Amino acid sequence: MNDSSLHIRTVTVEREFAHAPDKIWRALTQPHLIEAWLMKNDFVPALHHRFSLRGDWGSVACEVLEIEPQRSLSYTWAALGLDSVVTWTLTPTAAGTRLRMEQSGFRPDQDQAFHGAQYGWNKFFAALEQVLA
């Protein structure tokens, strides 16, 4: 581990939804639903599948790293000089599902990307809530 890896930052958003894990899983893995809360995409829930997320500002190059249906999903997120990993974890609860999203890999010189991600993911979670409703 080199010294710079000690300063890598992670954005974490965690929320409990009153929906079963399979419903949230569909929203995370079906292209038309992903588009409704995140961005246009060509996602396929398959290990090593390369896909892109497209917004008005540009696109994100991604590759599926890990997929465990209704439990976890992890993919690379490369855009605008940022090479990061987004990991979703679904945990069943008495009221529904706790959904945790971690985006890791922000270097110390990427303050703008880090703060943009903090803001953006909270907006995406609000949009996800609308899609699930």
C-alpha atoms as a PDB file:
ATOM      1  CA  MET A   1       0.000   0.000   0.000  1.00  0.00           C
ATOM      2  CA  ASN A   2       1.553   3.287  -1.023  1.00  0.00           C
ATOM      3  CA  ASP A   3       1.057   6.514   0.874  1.00  0.00           C
ATOM      4  CA  SER A   4      -1.431   8.027  -1.600  1.00  0.00           C
ATOM      5  CA  SER A   5      -3.849   5.124  -1.101  1.00  0.00           C
ATOM      6  CA  LEU A   6      -4.311   6.265   2.499  1.00  0.00           C
ATOM      7  CA  HIS A   7      -5.994   9.423   1.215  1.00  0.00           C
ATOM      8  CA  ILE A   8      -8.484   7.818  -1.161  1.00  0.00           C
ATOM      9  CA  ARG A   9     -12.005   8.919  -0.237  1.00  0.00           C
ATOM     10  CA  THR A  10     -15.385   7.229  -0.504  1.00  0.00           C
ATOM     11  CA  VAL A  11     -18.889   8.626  -0.859  1.00  0.00           C
ATOM     12  CA  THR A  12     -21.449   6.505   1.015  1.00  0.00           C
ATOM     13  CA  VAL A  13     -25.220   6.878   0.889  1.00  0.00           C
ATOM     14  CA  GLU A  14     -27.399   4.509   2.886  1.00  0.00           C
ATOM     15  CA  ARG A  15     -31.157   4.478   3.063  1.00  0.00           C
ATOM     16  CA  GLU A  16     -33.917   2.123   4.121  1.00  0.00           C
ATOM     17  CA  PHE A  17     -36.709   1.533   1.613  1.00  0.00           C
ATOM     18  CA  ALA A  18     -40.107  -0.018   2.328  1.00  0.00           C
ATOM     19  CA  HIS A  19     -39.646  -2.395  -0.608  1.00  0.00           C
ATOM     20  CA  ALA A  20     -38.428  -5.968  -0.923  1.00  0.00           C
ATOM     21  CA  PRO A  21     -34.865  -6.577  -2.174  1.00  0.00           C
ATOM     22  CA  ASP A  22     -36.106  -8.026  -5.497  1.00  0.00           C
ATOM     23  CA  LYS A  23     -37.943  -4.789  -6.350  1.00  0.00           C
ATOM     24  CA  ILE A  24     -34.873  -2.661  -5.580  1.00  0.00           C
ATOM     25  CA  TRP A  25     -32.668  -5.138  -7.468  1.00  0.00           C
ATOM     26  CA  ARG A  26     -34.812  -4.645 -10.594  1.00  0.00           C
ATOM     27  CA  ALA A  27     -34.404  -0.861 -10.294  1.00  0.00           C
ATOM     28  CA  LEU A  28     -30.613  -1.326 -10.096  1.00  0.00           C
ATOM     29  CA  THR A  29     -30.330  -3.793 -12.986  1.00  0.00           C
ATOM     30  CA  GLN A  30     -33.056  -3.195 -15.601  1.00  0.00           C
ATOM     31  CA  PRO A  31     -31.978  -0.603 -18.201  1.00  0.00           C
ATOM     32  CA  HIS A  32     -35.337   1.185 -18.517  1.00  0.00           C
ATOM     33  CA  LEU A  33     -35.565   1.500 -14.723  1.00  0.00           C
ATOM     34  CA  ILE A  34     -31.909   2.603 -14.367  1.00  0.00           C
ATOM     35  CA  GLU A  35     -32.648   5.308 -16.944  1.00  0.00           C
ATOM     36  CA  ALA A  36     -35.645   6.500 -14.916  1.00  0.00           C
ATOM     37  CA  TRP A  37     -33.547   7.330 -11.821  1.00  0.00           C
ATOM     38  CA  LEU A  38     -29.893   7.461 -12.918  1.00  0.00           C
ATOM     39  CA  MET A  39     -28.979   7.787 -16.608  1.00  0.00           C
ATOM     40  CA  LYS A  40     -29.454   6.310 -20.070  1.00  0.00           C
ATOM     41  CA  ASN A  41     -27.458   3.081 -20.258  1.00  0.00           C
ATOM     42  CA  ASP A  42     -26.764  -0.243 -21.950  1.00  0.00           C
ATOM     43  CA  PHE A  43     -26.437  -2.195 -18.717  1.00  0.00           C
ATOM     44  CA  VAL A  44     -26.619  -5.996 -18.690  1.00  0.00           C
ATOM     45  CA  PRO A  45     -26.404  -7.787 -15.295  1.00  0.00           C
ATOM     46  CA  ALA A  46     -23.480 -10.004 -16.311  1.00  0.00           C
ATOM     47  CA  LEU A  47     -19.973 -10.283 -14.868  1.00  0.00           C
ATOM     48  CA  HIS A  48     -17.392  -8.267 -16.873  1.00  0.00           C
ATOM     49  CA  HIS A  49     -20.083  -6.663 -19.057  1.00  0.00           C
ATOM     50  CA  ARG A  50     -18.869  -3.239 -20.220  1.00  0.00           C
ATOM     51  CA  PHE A  51     -21.556  -0.571 -20.357  1.00  0.00           C
ATOM     52  CA  SER A  52     -21.947   3.173 -20.357  1.00  0.00           C
ATOM     53  CA  LEU A  53     -24.116   5.594 -18.455  1.00  0.00           C
ATOM     54  CA  ARG A  54     -24.981   8.692 -20.487  1.00  0.00           C
ATOM     55  CA  GLY A  55     -26.055  12.086 -19.180  1.00  0.00           C
ATOM     56  CA  ASP A  56     -26.330  15.567 -20.679  1.00  0.00           C
ATOM     57  CA  TRP A  57     -22.811  16.333 -19.455  1.00  0.00           C
ATOM     58  CA  GLY A  58     -21.149  13.256 -20.980  1.00  0.00           C
ATOM     59  CA  SER A  59     -20.792   9.568 -20.278  1.00  0.00           C
ATOM     60  CA  VAL A  60     -19.402   7.149 -17.717  1.00  0.00           C
ATOM     61  CA  ALA A  61     -17.502   4.025 -18.790  1.00  0.00           C
ATOM     62  CA  CYS A  62     -18.346   1.063 -16.567  1.00  0.00           C
ATOM     63  CA  GLU A  63     -17.643  -2.633 -16.179  1.00  0.00           C
ATOM     64  CA  VAL A  64     -19.492  -5.070 -13.912  1.00  0.00           C
ATOM     65  CA  LEU A  65     -17.022  -6.376 -11.290  1.00  0.00           C
ATOM     66  CA  GLU A  66     -19.323  -8.368  -9.015  1.00  0.00           C
ATOM     67  CA  ILE A  67     -22.921  -9.425  -9.170  1.00  0.00           C
ATOM     68  CA  GLU A  68     -24.843 -11.377  -6.560  1.00  0.00           C
ATOM     69  CA  PRO A  69     -28.580 -11.125  -7.365  1.00  0.00           C
ATOM     70  CA  GLN A  70     -30.638  -9.234  -4.791  1.00  0.00           C
ATOM     71  CA  ARG A  71     -27.570  -8.835  -2.550  1.00  0.00           C
ATOM     72  CA  SER A  72     -24.752  -6.872  -4.184  1.00  0.00           C
ATOM     73  CA  LEU A  73     -23.633  -5.234  -7.400  1.00  0.00           C
ATOM     74  CA  SER A  74     -20.295  -3.593  -8.094  1.00  0.00           C
ATOM     75  CA  TYR A  75     -19.010  -1.811 -11.199  1.00  0.00           C
ATOM     76  CA  THR A  76     -16.263   0.554 -12.271  1.00  0.00           C
ATOM     77  CA  TRP A  77     -17.189   4.207 -12.826  1.00  0.00           C
ATOM     78  CA  ALA A  78     -14.738   6.078 -15.049  1.00  0.00           C
ATOM     79  CA  ALA A  79     -15.505   9.638 -16.153  1.00  0.00           C
ATOM     80  CA  LEU A  80     -13.818  13.020 -16.329  1.00  0.00           C
ATOM     81  CA  GLY A  81     -10.519  11.730 -14.917  1.00  0.00           C
ATOM     82  CA  LEU A  82     -12.162   9.803 -12.079  1.00  0.00           C
ATOM     83  CA  ASP A  83     -11.532   6.064 -11.833  1.00  0.00           C
ATOM     84  CA  SER A  84     -13.760   4.732  -9.098  1.00  0.00           C
ATOM     85  CA  VAL A  85     -15.862   1.750  -8.096  1.00  0.00           C
ATOM     86  CA  VAL A  86     -19.558   1.859  -7.215  1.00  0.00           C
ATOM     87  CA  THR A  87     -20.811  -0.911  -4.926  1.00  0.00           C
ATOM     88  CA  TRP A  88     -24.453  -1.495  -4.050  1.00  0.00           C
ATOM     89  CA  THR A  89     -25.375  -3.668  -1.055  1.00  0.00           C
ATOM     90  CA  LEU A  90     -28.957  -4.752  -0.313  1.00  0.00           C
ATOM     91  CA  THR A  91     -29.789  -5.959   3.185  1.00  0.00           C
ATOM     92  CA  PRO A  92     -33.307  -7.214   4.017  1.00  0.00           C
ATOM     93  CA  THR A  93     -34.858  -5.512   7.059  1.00  0.00           C
ATOM     94  CA  ALA A  94     -38.140  -5.889   8.929  1.00  0.00           C
ATOM     95  CA  ALA A  95     -39.549  -2.899   7.030  1.00  0.00           C
ATOM     96  CA  GLY A  96     -38.068  -3.654   3.598  1.00  0.00           C
ATOM     97  CA  THR A  97     -34.477  -3.214   2.449  1.00  0.00           C
ATOM     98  CA  ARG A  98     -31.467  -1.204   3.545  1.00  0.00           C
ATOM     99  CA  LEU A  99     -29.666  -0.024   0.414  1.00  0.00           C
ATOM    100  CA  ARG A 100     -26.050   1.065   0.715  1.00  0.00           C
ATOM    101  CA  MET A 101     -24.096   2.668  -2.122  1.00  0.00           C
ATOM    102  CA  GLU A 102     -20.364   3.269  -1.862  1.00  0.00           C
ATOM    103  CA  GLN A 103     -18.363   5.042  -4.543  1.00  0.00           C
ATOM    104  CA  SER A 104     -14.681   4.669  -3.720  1.00  0.00           C
ATOM    105  CA  GLY A 105     -11.538   5.915  -5.413  1.00  0.00           C
ATOM    106  CA  PHE A 106     -11.589   9.714  -5.088  1.00  0.00           C
ATOM    107  CA  ARG A 107      -8.035  11.052  -4.937  1.00  0.00           C
ATOM    108  CA  PRO A 108      -7.178  14.034  -2.688  1.00  0.00           C
ATOM    109  CA  ASP A 109      -6.978  16.323  -5.757  1.00  0.00           C
ATOM    110  CA  GLN A 110     -10.528  15.400  -6.815  1.00  0.00           C
ATOM    111  CA  ASP A 111     -12.491  17.595  -4.409  1.00  0.00           C
ATOM    112  CA  GLN A 112     -14.907  18.750  -7.086  1.00  0.00           C
ATOM    113  CA  ALA A 113     -15.702  15.172  -8.176  1.00  0.00           C
ATOM    114  CA  PHE A 114     -15.997  14.048  -4.531  1.00  0.00           C
ATOM    115  CA  HIS A 115     -18.433  16.817  -3.565  1.00  0.00           C
ATOM    116  CA  GLY A 116     -20.291  16.435  -6.864  1.00  0.00           C
ATOM    117  CA  ALA A 117     -20.767  12.739  -6.139  1.00  0.00           C
ATOM    118  CA  GLN A 118     -22.046  13.467  -2.613  1.00  0.00           C
ATOM    119  CA  TYR A 119     -24.629  15.839  -4.066  1.00  0.00           C
ATOM    120  CA  GLY A 120     -25.438  13.669  -7.085  1.00  0.00           C
ATOM    121  CA  TRP A 121     -25.978  10.377  -5.285  1.00  0.00           C
ATOM    122  CA  ASN A 122     -28.416  11.979  -2.844  1.00  0.00           C
ATOM    123  CA  LYS A 123     -30.387  13.277  -5.843  1.00  0.00           C
ATOM    124  CA  PHE A 124     -30.225   9.840  -7.512  1.00  0.00           C
ATOM    125  CA  PHE A 125     -31.490   8.174  -4.317  1.00  0.00           C
ATOM    126  CA  ALA A 126     -34.443  10.586  -4.229  1.00  0.00           C
ATOM    127  CA  ALA A 127     -35.204   9.730  -7.878  1.00  0.00           C
ATOM    128  CA  LEU A 128     -34.846   6.008  -7.095  1.00  0.00           C
ATOM    129  CA  GLU A 129     -37.414   6.415  -4.315  1.00  0.00           C
ATOM    130  CA  GLN A 130     -39.853   7.885  -6.866  1.00  0.00           C
ATOM    131  CA  VAL A 131     -39.248   5.008  -9.305  1.00  0.00           C
ATOM    132  CA  LEU A 132     -39.819   2.419  -6.555  1.00  0.00           C
ATOM    133  CA  ALA A 133     -43.073   4.138  -5.523  1.00  0.00           C
END
